[in-house]
Amino acid sequence: MKQEFKPYYVVIFTSTHTDSTQGYSEMAAKMEQLASEQDGFLGIDTARNDVGISNSYWESLEDIKNWKQNADHLLAQEMGKKQWYSWYNLRICKVEREYEFRK
């Protein structure tokens, strides 16, 4: 039986680090935990090598807006700009359809 698909949103955060990453891993873990407690949070995928990519998934644009304005998240954003990131790009996209393959 085919399941009904409900569109959702993804925040794609792509970044490069400075040489000063002290405290970054701890803050990233804290933000992931905090995000998971927010209304509308659906999940997160993260990969880091020379460039980091974090995709967080949300039920609505309003949920994303509320997360962006979270006080602890605002502090992490400020630390990122001051210390951890040499560059970042953020995209918000609506997911209309998805496919998955698994062996």
PDB file of N, CA and C in Angstrom:
ATOM      1  N   MET A   1       0.839  -1.180   0.000  1.00  0.00           N
ATOM      2  CA  MET A   1       0.000   0.000   0.000  1.00  0.00           C
ATOM      3  C   MET A   1       0.890   1.251   0.000  1.00  0.00           C
ATOM      4  N   LYS A   2       0.576   2.193  -0.842  1.00  0.00           N
ATOM      5  CA  LYS A   2       1.353   3.422  -0.961  1.00  0.00           C
ATOM      6  C   LYS A   2       0.980   4.390   0.156  1.00  0.00           C
ATOM      7  N   GLN A   3       2.018   4.927   0.833  1.00  0.00           N
ATOM      8  CA  GLN A   3       1.780   5.892   1.904  1.00  0.00           C
ATOM      9  C   GLN A   3       1.614   7.282   1.323  1.00  0.00           C
ATOM     10  N   GLU A   4       0.782   8.082   1.957  1.00  0.00           N
ATOM     11  CA  GLU A   4       0.589   9.483   1.569  1.00  0.00           C
ATOM     12  C   GLU A   4       1.834  10.274   1.948  1.00  0.00           C
ATOM     13  N   PHE A   5       2.348  11.070   1.020  1.00  0.00           N
ATOM     14  CA  PHE A   5       3.528  11.889   1.280  1.00  0.00           C
ATOM     15  C   PHE A   5       3.097  13.312   1.604  1.00  0.00           C
ATOM     16  N   LYS A   6       3.608  13.821   2.700  1.00  0.00           N
ATOM     17  CA  LYS A   6       3.327  15.198   3.100  1.00  0.00           C
ATOM     18  C   LYS A   6       4.588  16.034   2.868  1.00  0.00           C
ATOM     19  N   PRO A   7       4.538  17.071   2.027  1.00  0.00           N
ATOM     20  CA  PRO A   7       5.717  17.914   1.816  1.00  0.00           C
ATOM     21  C   PRO A   7       6.236  18.493   3.131  1.00  0.00           C
ATOM     22  N   TYR A   8       7.537  18.724   3.163  1.00  0.00           N
ATOM     23  CA  TYR A   8       8.182  19.303   4.338  1.00  0.00           C
ATOM     24  C   TYR A   8       9.312  20.208   3.855  1.00  0.00           C
ATOM     25  N   TYR A   9      10.050  20.784   4.781  1.00  0.00           N
ATOM     26  CA  TYR A   9      11.105  21.739   4.436  1.00  0.00           C
ATOM     27  C   TYR A   9      12.453  21.245   4.928  1.00  0.00           C
ATOM     28  N   VAL A  10      13.480  21.615   4.180  1.00  0.00           N
ATOM     29  CA  VAL A  10      14.856  21.298   4.578  1.00  0.00           C
ATOM     30  C   VAL A  10      15.659  22.595   4.617  1.00  0.00           C
ATOM     31  N   VAL A  11      16.422  22.751   5.692  1.00  0.00           N
ATOM     32  CA  VAL A  11      17.382  23.841   5.815  1.00  0.00           C
ATOM     33  C   VAL A  11      18.746  23.222   5.498  1.00  0.00           C
ATOM     34  N   ILE A  12      19.357  23.674   4.415  1.00  0.00           N
ATOM     35  CA  ILE A  12      20.655  23.166   3.991  1.00  0.00           C
ATOM     36  C   ILE A  12      21.710  24.179   4.419  1.00  0.00           C
ATOM     37  N   PHE A  13      22.547  23.791   5.366  1.00  0.00           N
ATOM     38  CA  PHE A  13      23.591  24.666   5.892  1.00  0.00           C
ATOM     39  C   PHE A  13      24.932  24.107   5.451  1.00  0.00           C
ATOM     40  N   THR A  14      25.619  24.845   4.586  1.00  0.00           N
ATOM     41  CA  THR A  14      26.913  24.448   4.051  1.00  0.00           C
ATOM     42  C   THR A  14      27.956  25.418   4.588  1.00  0.00           C
ATOM     43  N   SER A  15      29.120  24.900   5.044  1.00  0.00           N
ATOM     44  CA  SER A  15      30.090  25.790   5.688  1.00  0.00           C
ATOM     45  C   SER A  15      31.519  25.283   5.562  1.00  0.00           C
ATOM     46  N   THR A  16      32.436  26.220   5.771  1.00  0.00           N
ATOM     47  CA  THR A  16      33.839  25.888   5.965  1.00  0.00           C
ATOM     48  C   THR A  16      34.268  26.508   7.293  1.00  0.00           C
ATOM     49  N   HIS A  17      35.204  25.846   7.950  1.00  0.00           N
ATOM     50  CA  HIS A  17      35.666  26.289   9.266  1.00  0.00           C
ATOM     51  C   HIS A  17      36.909  27.167   9.174  1.00  0.00           C
ATOM     52  N   THR A  18      37.084  27.956  10.203  1.00  0.00           N
ATOM     53  CA  THR A  18      38.349  28.647  10.427  1.00  0.00           C
ATOM     54  C   THR A  18      39.302  27.638  11.085  1.00  0.00           C
ATOM     55  N   ASP A  19      40.479  28.082  11.459  1.00  0.00           N
ATOM     56  CA  ASP A  19      41.410  27.217  12.191  1.00  0.00           C
ATOM     57  C   ASP A  19      41.073  27.148  13.677  1.00  0.00           C
ATOM     58  N   SER A  20      40.117  27.962  14.119  1.00  0.00           N
ATOM     59  CA  SER A  20      39.762  28.050  15.540  1.00  0.00           C
ATOM     60  C   SER A  20      38.413  27.371  15.792  1.00  0.00           C
ATOM     61  N   THR A  21      38.458  26.060  16.009  1.00  0.00           N
ATOM     62  CA  THR A  21      37.210  25.304  16.172  1.00  0.00           C
ATOM     63  C   THR A  21      36.990  24.803  17.597  1.00  0.00           C
ATOM     64  N   GLN A  22      37.744  25.333  18.541  1.00  0.00           N
ATOM     65  CA  GLN A  22      37.580  24.909  19.935  1.00  0.00           C
ATOM     66  C   GLN A  22      36.140  25.158  20.389  1.00  0.00           C
ATOM     67  N   GLY A  23      35.497  24.125  20.914  1.00  0.00           N
ATOM     68  CA  GLY A  23      34.127  24.228  21.407  1.00  0.00           C
ATOM     69  C   GLY A  23      33.060  23.973  20.359  1.00  0.00           C
ATOM     70  N   TYR A  24      33.463  23.863  19.105  1.00  0.00           N
ATOM     71  CA  TYR A  24      32.480  23.690  18.024  1.00  0.00           C
ATOM     72  C   TYR A  24      31.712  22.371  18.151  1.00  0.00           C
ATOM     73  N   SER A  25      32.424  21.272  18.327  1.00  0.00           N
ATOM     74  CA  SER A  25      31.769  19.956  18.382  1.00  0.00           C
ATOM     75  C   SER A  25      30.752  19.883  19.512  1.00  0.00           C
ATOM     76  N   GLU A  26      31.110  20.438  20.662  1.00  0.00           N
ATOM     77  CA  GLU A  26      30.190  20.433  21.802  1.00  0.00           C
ATOM     78  C   GLU A  26      28.944  21.267  21.503  1.00  0.00           C
ATOM     79  N   MET A  27      29.147  22.438  20.898  1.00  0.00           N
ATOM     80  CA  MET A  27      28.001  23.295  20.562  1.00  0.00           C
ATOM     81  C   MET A  27      27.132  22.642  19.496  1.00  0.00           C
ATOM     82  N   ALA A  28      27.743  22.010  18.503  1.00  0.00           N
ATOM     83  CA  ALA A  28      26.968  21.339  17.455  1.00  0.00           C
ATOM     84  C   ALA A  28      26.095  20.238  18.054  1.00  0.00           C
ATOM     85  N   ALA A  29      26.647  19.464  18.968  1.00  0.00           N
ATOM     86  CA  ALA A  29      25.870  18.401  19.624  1.00  0.00           C
ATOM     87  C   ALA A  29      24.728  18.995  20.447  1.00  0.00           C
ATOM     88  N   LYS A  30      25.011  20.082  21.156  1.00  0.00           N
ATOM     89  CA  LYS A  30      23.980  20.751  21.954  1.00  0.00           C
ATOM     90  C   LYS A  30      22.861  21.286  21.064  1.00  0.00           C
ATOM     91  N   MET A  31      23.222  21.877  19.912  1.00  0.00           N
ATOM     92  CA  MET A  31      22.212  22.430  19.004  1.00  0.00           C
ATOM     93  C   MET A  31      21.372  21.319  18.384  1.00  0.00           C
ATOM     94  N   GLU A  32      21.991  20.195  18.055  1.00  0.00           N
ATOM     95  CA  GLU A  32      21.227  19.083  17.503  1.00  0.00           C
ATOM     96  C   GLU A  32      20.214  18.570  18.529  1.00  0.00           C
ATOM     97  N   GLN A  33      20.632  18.443  19.768  1.00  0.00           N
ATOM     98  CA  GLN A  33      19.725  18.006  20.837  1.00  0.00           C
ATOM     99  C   GLN A  33      18.590  19.013  21.028  1.00  0.00           C
ATOM    100  N   LEU A  34      18.938  20.284  21.083  1.00  0.00           N
ATOM    101  CA  LEU A  34      17.936  21.332  21.277  1.00  0.00           C
ATOM    102  C   LEU A  34      16.958  21.396  20.103  1.00  0.00           C
ATOM    103  N   ALA A  35      17.471  21.287  18.896  1.00  0.00           N
ATOM    104  CA  ALA A  35      16.601  21.307  17.713  1.00  0.00           C
ATOM    105  C   ALA A  35      15.603  20.153  17.757  1.00  0.00           C
ATOM    106  N   SER A  36      16.076  18.988  18.208  1.00  0.00           N
ATOM    107  CA  SER A  36      15.202  17.808  18.252  1.00  0.00           C
ATOM    108  C   SER A  36      14.029  17.984  19.210  1.00  0.00           C
ATOM    109  N   GLU A  37      14.124  18.955  20.114  1.00  0.00           N
ATOM    110  CA  GLU A  37      13.058  19.222  21.076  1.00  0.00           C
ATOM    111  C   GLU A  37      12.075  20.291  20.579  1.00  0.00           C
ATOM    112  N   GLN A  38      12.347  20.875  19.410  1.00  0.00           N
ATOM    113  CA  GLN A  38      11.508  21.962  18.893  1.00  0.00           C
ATOM    114  C   GLN A  38      10.306  21.414  18.145  1.00  0.00           C
ATOM    115  N   ASP A  39       9.208  22.150  18.208  1.00  0.00           N
ATOM    116  CA  ASP A  39       8.017  21.791  17.433  1.00  0.00           C
ATOM    117  C   ASP A  39       8.366  21.764  15.950  1.00  0.00           C
ATOM    118  N   GLY A  40       7.903  20.741  15.274  1.00  0.00           N
ATOM    119  CA  GLY A  40       8.068  20.650  13.832  1.00  0.00           C
ATOM    120  C   GLY A  40       9.376  20.054  13.360  1.00  0.00           C
ATOM    121  N   PHE A  41      10.297  19.739  14.271  1.00  0.00           N
ATOM    122  CA  PHE A  41      11.582  19.148  13.878  1.00  0.00           C
ATOM    123  C   PHE A  41      11.359  17.706  13.445  1.00  0.00           C
ATOM    124  N   LEU A  42      11.917  17.346  12.277  1.00  0.00           N
ATOM    125  CA  LEU A  42      11.738  15.999  11.744  1.00  0.00           C
ATOM    126  C   LEU A  42      13.020  15.175  11.743  1.00  0.00           C
ATOM    127  N   GLY A  43      14.187  15.825  11.757  1.00  0.00           N
ATOM    128  CA  GLY A  43      15.444  15.081  11.746  1.00  0.00           C
ATOM    129  C   GLY A  43      16.580  15.917  11.203  1.00  0.00           C
ATOM    130  N   ILE A  44      17.775  15.310  11.185  1.00  0.00           N
ATOM    131  CA  ILE A  44      18.960  16.008  10.699  1.00  0.00           C
ATOM    132  C   ILE A  44      19.941  15.004  10.111  1.00  0.00           C
ATOM    133  N   ASP A  45      20.633  15.414   9.063  1.00  0.00           N
ATOM    134  CA  ASP A  45      21.742  14.668   8.475  1.00  0.00           C
ATOM    135  C   ASP A  45      22.921  15.621   8.409  1.00  0.00           C
ATOM    136  N   THR A  46      24.106  15.138   8.796  1.00  0.00           N
ATOM    137  CA  THR A  46      25.297  15.983   8.801  1.00  0.00           C
ATOM    138  C   THR A  46      26.491  15.217   8.260  1.00  0.00           C
ATOM    139  N   ALA A  47      27.308  15.910   7.461  1.00  0.00           N
ATOM    140  CA  ALA A  47      28.568  15.352   6.968  1.00  0.00           C
ATOM    141  C   ALA A  47      29.604  16.468   6.980  1.00  0.00           C
ATOM    142  N   ARG A  48      30.826  16.136   7.372  1.00  0.00           N
ATOM    143  CA  ARG A  48      31.879  17.149   7.396  1.00  0.00           C
ATOM    144  C   ARG A  48      33.173  16.544   6.912  1.00  0.00           C
ATOM    145  N   ASN A  49      33.795  17.260   5.997  1.00  0.00           N
ATOM    146  CA  ASN A  49      35.149  16.998   5.558  1.00  0.00           C
ATOM    147  C   ASN A  49      35.773  18.369   5.396  1.00  0.00           C
ATOM    148  N   ASP A  50      36.248  18.741   4.231  1.00  0.00           N
ATOM    149  CA  ASP A  50      36.721  20.114   4.016  1.00  0.00           C
ATOM    150  C   ASP A  50      35.556  21.093   4.071  1.00  0.00           C
ATOM    151  N   VAL A  51      34.407  20.646   3.585  1.00  0.00           N
ATOM    152  CA  VAL A  51      33.172  21.429   3.620  1.00  0.00           C
ATOM    153  C   VAL A  51      32.162  20.647   4.438  1.00  0.00           C
ATOM    154  N   GLY A  52      31.448  21.331   5.312  1.00  0.00           N
ATOM    155  CA  GLY A  52      30.417  20.678   6.109  1.00  0.00           C
ATOM    156  C   GLY A  52      29.049  20.949   5.531  1.00  0.00           C
ATOM    157  N   ILE A  53      28.180  19.959   5.603  1.00  0.00           N
ATOM    158  CA  ILE A  53      26.799  20.113   5.160  1.00  0.00           C
ATOM    159  C   ILE A  53      25.895  19.520   6.226  1.00  0.00           C
ATOM    160  N   SER A  54      24.967  20.337   6.717  1.00  0.00           N
ATOM    161  CA  SER A  54      23.960  19.869   7.661  1.00  0.00           C
ATOM    162  C   SER A  54      22.589  20.159   7.071  1.00  0.00           C
ATOM    163  N   ASN A  55      21.779  19.134   6.952  1.00  0.00           N
ATOM    164  CA  ASN A  55      20.407  19.276   6.482  1.00  0.00           C
ATOM    165  C   ASN A  55      19.480  19.006   7.658  1.00  0.00           C
ATOM    166  N   SER A  56      18.706  20.018   8.041  1.00  0.00           N
ATOM    167  CA  SER A  56      17.696  19.783   9.076  1.00  0.00           C
ATOM    168  C   SER A  56      16.328  19.852   8.424  1.00  0.00           C
ATOM    169  N   TYR A  57      15.421  19.006   8.882  1.00  0.00           N
ATOM    170  CA  TYR A  57      14.116  18.819   8.247  1.00  0.00           C
ATOM    171  C   TYR A  57      13.015  19.292   9.193  1.00  0.00           C
ATOM    172  N   TRP A  58      12.071  20.047   8.621  1.00  0.00           N
ATOM    173  CA  TRP A  58      11.032  20.712   9.416  1.00  0.00           C
ATOM    174  C   TRP A  58       9.669  20.585   8.747  1.00  0.00           C
ATOM    175  N   GLU A  59       8.631  20.593   9.575  1.00  0.00           N
ATOM    176  CA  GLU A  59       7.268  20.503   9.061  1.00  0.00           C
ATOM    177  C   GLU A  59       6.824  21.775   8.350  1.00  0.00           C
ATOM    178  N   SER A  60       7.273  22.950   8.818  1.00  0.00           N
ATOM    179  CA  SER A  60       6.763  24.203   8.237  1.00  0.00           C
ATOM    180  C   SER A  60       7.811  25.313   8.272  1.00  0.00           C
ATOM    181  N   LEU A  61       7.573  26.346   7.498  1.00  0.00           N
ATOM    182  CA  LEU A  61       8.433  27.534   7.517  1.00  0.00           C
ATOM    183  C   LEU A  61       8.351  28.231   8.869  1.00  0.00           C
ATOM    184  N   GLU A  62       7.208  28.193   9.496  1.00  0.00           N
ATOM    185  CA  GLU A  62       7.037  28.789  10.828  1.00  0.00           C
ATOM    186  C   GLU A  62       7.925  28.087  11.856  1.00  0.00           C
ATOM    187  N   ASP A  63       8.014  26.755  11.762  1.00  0.00           N
ATOM    188  CA  ASP A  63       8.887  25.997  12.669  1.00  0.00           C
ATOM    189  C   ASP A  63      10.346  26.405  12.473  1.00  0.00           C
ATOM    190  N   ILE A  64      10.760  26.608  11.232  1.00  0.00           N
ATOM    191  CA  ILE A  64      12.132  27.043  10.935  1.00  0.00           C
ATOM    192  C   ILE A  64      12.371  28.430  11.509  1.00  0.00           C
ATOM    193  N   LYS A  65      11.415  29.323  11.329  1.00  0.00           N
ATOM    194  CA  LYS A  65      11.533  30.688  11.861  1.00  0.00           C
ATOM    195  C   LYS A  65      11.678  30.664  13.386  1.00  0.00           C
ATOM    196  N   ASN A  66      10.877  29.845  14.052  1.00  0.00           N
ATOM    197  CA  ASN A  66      10.951  29.740  15.512  1.00  0.00           C
ATOM    198  C   ASN A  66      12.303  29.195  15.964  1.00  0.00           C
ATOM    199  N   TRP A  67      12.837  28.219  15.242  1.00  0.00           N
ATOM    200  CA  TRP A  67      14.148  27.666  15.585  1.00  0.00           C
ATOM    201  C   TRP A  67      15.240  28.729  15.400  1.00  0.00           C
ATOM    202  N   LYS A  68      15.170  29.476  14.314  1.00  0.00           N
ATOM    203  CA  LYS A  68      16.165  30.517  14.064  1.00  0.00           C
ATOM    204  C   LYS A  68      16.181  31.551  15.183  1.00  0.00           C
ATOM    205  N   GLN A  69      15.042  31.800  15.808  1.00  0.00           N
ATOM    206  CA  GLN A  69      14.927  32.814  16.852  1.00  0.00           C
ATOM    207  C   GLN A  69      15.140  32.269  18.269  1.00  0.00           C
ATOM    208  N   ASN A  70      15.407  30.967  18.406  1.00  0.00           N
ATOM    209  CA  ASN A  70      15.659  30.370  19.714  1.00  0.00           C
ATOM    210  C   ASN A  70      16.902  31.018  20.323  1.00  0.00           C
ATOM    211  N   ALA A  71      16.826  31.427  21.587  1.00  0.00           N
ATOM    212  CA  ALA A  71      17.913  32.170  22.243  1.00  0.00           C
ATOM    213  C   ALA A  71      19.241  31.415  22.233  1.00  0.00           C
ATOM    214  N   ASP A  72      19.218  30.121  22.554  1.00  0.00           N
ATOM    215  CA  ASP A  72      20.457  29.338  22.550  1.00  0.00           C
ATOM    216  C   ASP A  72      21.013  29.197  21.134  1.00  0.00           C
ATOM    217  N   HIS A  73      20.123  29.055  20.177  1.00  0.00           N
ATOM    218  CA  HIS A  73      20.544  28.947  18.781  1.00  0.00           C
ATOM    219  C   HIS A  73      21.140  30.273  18.298  1.00  0.00           C
ATOM    220  N   LEU A  74      20.569  31.392  18.734  1.00  0.00           N
ATOM    221  CA  LEU A  74      21.117  32.711  18.381  1.00  0.00           C
ATOM    222  C   LEU A  74      22.547  32.857  18.913  1.00  0.00           C
ATOM    223  N   LEU A  75      22.796  32.375  20.117  1.00  0.00           N
ATOM    224  CA  LEU A  75      24.142  32.416  20.687  1.00  0.00           C
ATOM    225  C   LEU A  75      25.104  31.576  19.849  1.00  0.00           C
ATOM    226  N   ALA A  76      24.682  30.383  19.459  1.00  0.00           N
ATOM    227  CA  ALA A  76      25.520  29.508  18.635  1.00  0.00           C
ATOM    228  C   ALA A  76      25.808  30.158  17.280  1.00  0.00           C
ATOM    229  N   GLN A  77      24.795  30.823  16.703  1.00  0.00           N
ATOM    230  CA  GLN A  77      24.999  31.515  15.426  1.00  0.00           C
ATOM    231  C   GLN A  77      26.064  32.597  15.566  1.00  0.00           C
ATOM    232  N   GLU A  78      26.004  33.352  16.640  1.00  0.00           N
ATOM    233  CA  GLU A  78      26.965  34.432  16.871  1.00  0.00           C
ATOM    234  C   GLU A  78      28.377  33.873  17.052  1.00  0.00           C
ATOM    235  N   MET A  79      28.501  32.780  17.803  1.00  0.00           N
ATOM    236  CA  MET A  79      29.807  32.139  17.986  1.00  0.00           C
ATOM    237  C   MET A  79      30.347  31.638  16.646  1.00  0.00           C
ATOM    238  N   GLY A  80      29.463  31.094  15.833  1.00  0.00           N
ATOM    239  CA  GLY A  80      29.876  30.619  14.509  1.00  0.00           C
ATOM    240  C   GLY A  80      30.456  31.737  13.668  1.00  0.00           C
ATOM    241  N   LYS A  81      29.790  32.885  13.655  1.00  0.00           N
ATOM    242  CA  LYS A  81      30.268  34.027  12.866  1.00  0.00           C
ATOM    243  C   LYS A  81      31.573  34.585  13.412  1.00  0.00           C
ATOM    244  N   LYS A  82      31.700  34.644  14.734  1.00  0.00           N
ATOM    245  CA  LYS A  82      32.896  35.230  15.357  1.00  0.00           C
ATOM    246  C   LYS A  82      34.103  34.299  15.315  1.00  0.00           C
ATOM    247  N   GLN A  83      33.868  32.983  15.465  1.00  0.00           N
ATOM    248  CA  GLN A  83      34.991  32.085  15.700  1.00  0.00           C
ATOM    249  C   GLN A  83      35.096  30.911  14.731  1.00  0.00           C
ATOM    250  N   TRP A  84      34.024  30.190  14.467  1.00  0.00           N
ATOM    251  CA  TRP A  84      34.130  28.879  13.829  1.00  0.00           C
ATOM    252  C   TRP A  84      34.052  28.864  12.312  1.00  0.00           C
ATOM    253  N   TYR A  85      33.293  29.768  11.707  1.00  0.00           N
ATOM    254  CA  TYR A  85      33.080  29.696  10.257  1.00  0.00           C
ATOM    255  C   TYR A  85      33.875  30.746   9.498  1.00  0.00           C
ATOM    256  N   SER A  86      34.518  30.308   8.416  1.00  0.00           N
ATOM    257  CA  SER A  86      35.134  31.253   7.495  1.00  0.00           C
ATOM    258  C   SER A  86      34.144  31.590   6.378  1.00  0.00           C
ATOM    259  N   TRP A  87      33.163  30.728   6.172  1.00  0.00           N
ATOM    260  CA  TRP A  87      32.121  30.930   5.153  1.00  0.00           C
ATOM    261  C   TRP A  87      30.962  30.001   5.467  1.00  0.00           C
ATOM    262  N   TYR A  88      29.758  30.471   5.167  1.00  0.00           N
ATOM    263  CA  TYR A  88      28.609  29.562   5.182  1.00  0.00           C
ATOM    264  C   TYR A  88      27.540  30.042   4.219  1.00  0.00           C
ATOM    265  N   ASN A  89      26.688  29.114   3.852  1.00  0.00           N
ATOM    266  CA  ASN A  89      25.556  29.383   2.974  1.00  0.00           C
ATOM    267  C   ASN A  89      24.378  28.609   3.533  1.00  0.00           C
ATOM    268  N   LEU A  90      23.210  29.233   3.549  1.00  0.00           N
ATOM    269  CA  LEU A  90      22.010  28.589   4.068  1.00  0.00           C
ATOM    270  C   LEU A  90      20.916  28.666   3.010  1.00  0.00           C
ATOM    271  N   ARG A  91      20.300  27.534   2.761  1.00  0.00           N
ATOM    272  CA  ARG A  91      19.192  27.455   1.803  1.00  0.00           C
ATOM    273  C   ARG A  91      18.009  26.796   2.509  1.00  0.00           C
ATOM    274  N   ILE A  92      16.815  27.275   2.193  1.00  0.00           N
ATOM    275  CA  ILE A  92      15.594  26.651   2.704  1.00  0.00           C
ATOM    276  C   ILE A  92      14.793  26.204   1.496  1.00  0.00           C
ATOM    277  N   CYS A  93      14.472  24.930   1.458  1.00  0.00           N
ATOM    278  CA  CYS A  93      13.797  24.349   0.303  1.00  0.00           C
ATOM    279  C   CYS A  93      12.578  23.534   0.744  1.00  0.00           C
ATOM    280  N   LYS A  94      11.596  23.486  -0.120  1.00  0.00           N
ATOM    281  CA  LYS A  94      10.428  22.645   0.123  1.00  0.00           C
ATOM    282  C   LYS A  94      10.630  21.317  -0.594  1.00  0.00           C
ATOM    283  N   VAL A  95      10.457  20.232   0.132  1.00  0.00           N
ATOM    284  CA  VAL A  95      10.590  18.893  -0.434  1.00  0.00           C
ATOM    285  C   VAL A  95       9.193  18.421  -0.847  1.00  0.00           C
ATOM    286  N   GLU A  96       9.016  18.244  -2.138  1.00  0.00           N
ATOM    287  CA  GLU A  96       7.724  17.822  -2.693  1.00  0.00           C
ATOM    288  C   GLU A  96       7.615  16.304  -2.841  1.00  0.00           C
ATOM    289  N   ARG A  97       8.783  15.674  -2.970  1.00  0.00           N
ATOM    290  CA  ARG A  97       8.810  14.235  -3.192  1.00  0.00           C
ATOM    291  C   ARG A  97      10.161  13.722  -2.754  1.00  0.00           C
ATOM    292  N   GLU A  98      10.228  12.460  -2.373  1.00  0.00           N
ATOM    293  CA  GLU A  98      11.518  11.859  -2.041  1.00  0.00           C
ATOM    294  C   GLU A  98      11.525  10.399  -2.426  1.00  0.00           C
ATOM    295  N   TYR A  99      12.729   9.869  -2.628  1.00  0.00           N
ATOM    296  CA  TYR A  99      12.936   8.468  -2.965  1.00  0.00           C
ATOM    297  C   TYR A  99      14.045   7.946  -2.065  1.00  0.00           C
ATOM    298  N   GLU A 100      14.042   6.645  -1.850  1.00  0.00           N
ATOM    299  CA  GLU A 100      15.084   6.035  -1.031  1.00  0.00           C
ATOM    300  C   GLU A 100      15.415   4.664  -1.579  1.00  0.00           C
ATOM    301  N   PHE A 101      16.679   4.313  -1.527  1.00  0.00           N
ATOM    302  CA  PHE A 101      17.145   2.978  -1.875  1.00  0.00           C
ATOM    303  C   PHE A 101      17.892   2.416  -0.685  1.00  0.00           C
ATOM    304  N   ARG A 102      17.681   1.164  -0.412  1.00  0.00           N
ATOM    305  CA  ARG A 102      18.388   0.502   0.697  1.00  0.00           C
ATOM    306  C   ARG A 102      18.580  -0.959   0.346  1.00  0.00           C
ATOM    307  N   LYS A 103      19.795  -1.475   0.558  1.00  0.00           N
ATOM    308  CA  LYS A 103      20.062  -2.920   0.348  1.00  0.00           C
ATOM    309  C   LYS A 103      19.859  -3.653   1.630  1.00  0.00           C
TER     310      LYS A 103
END
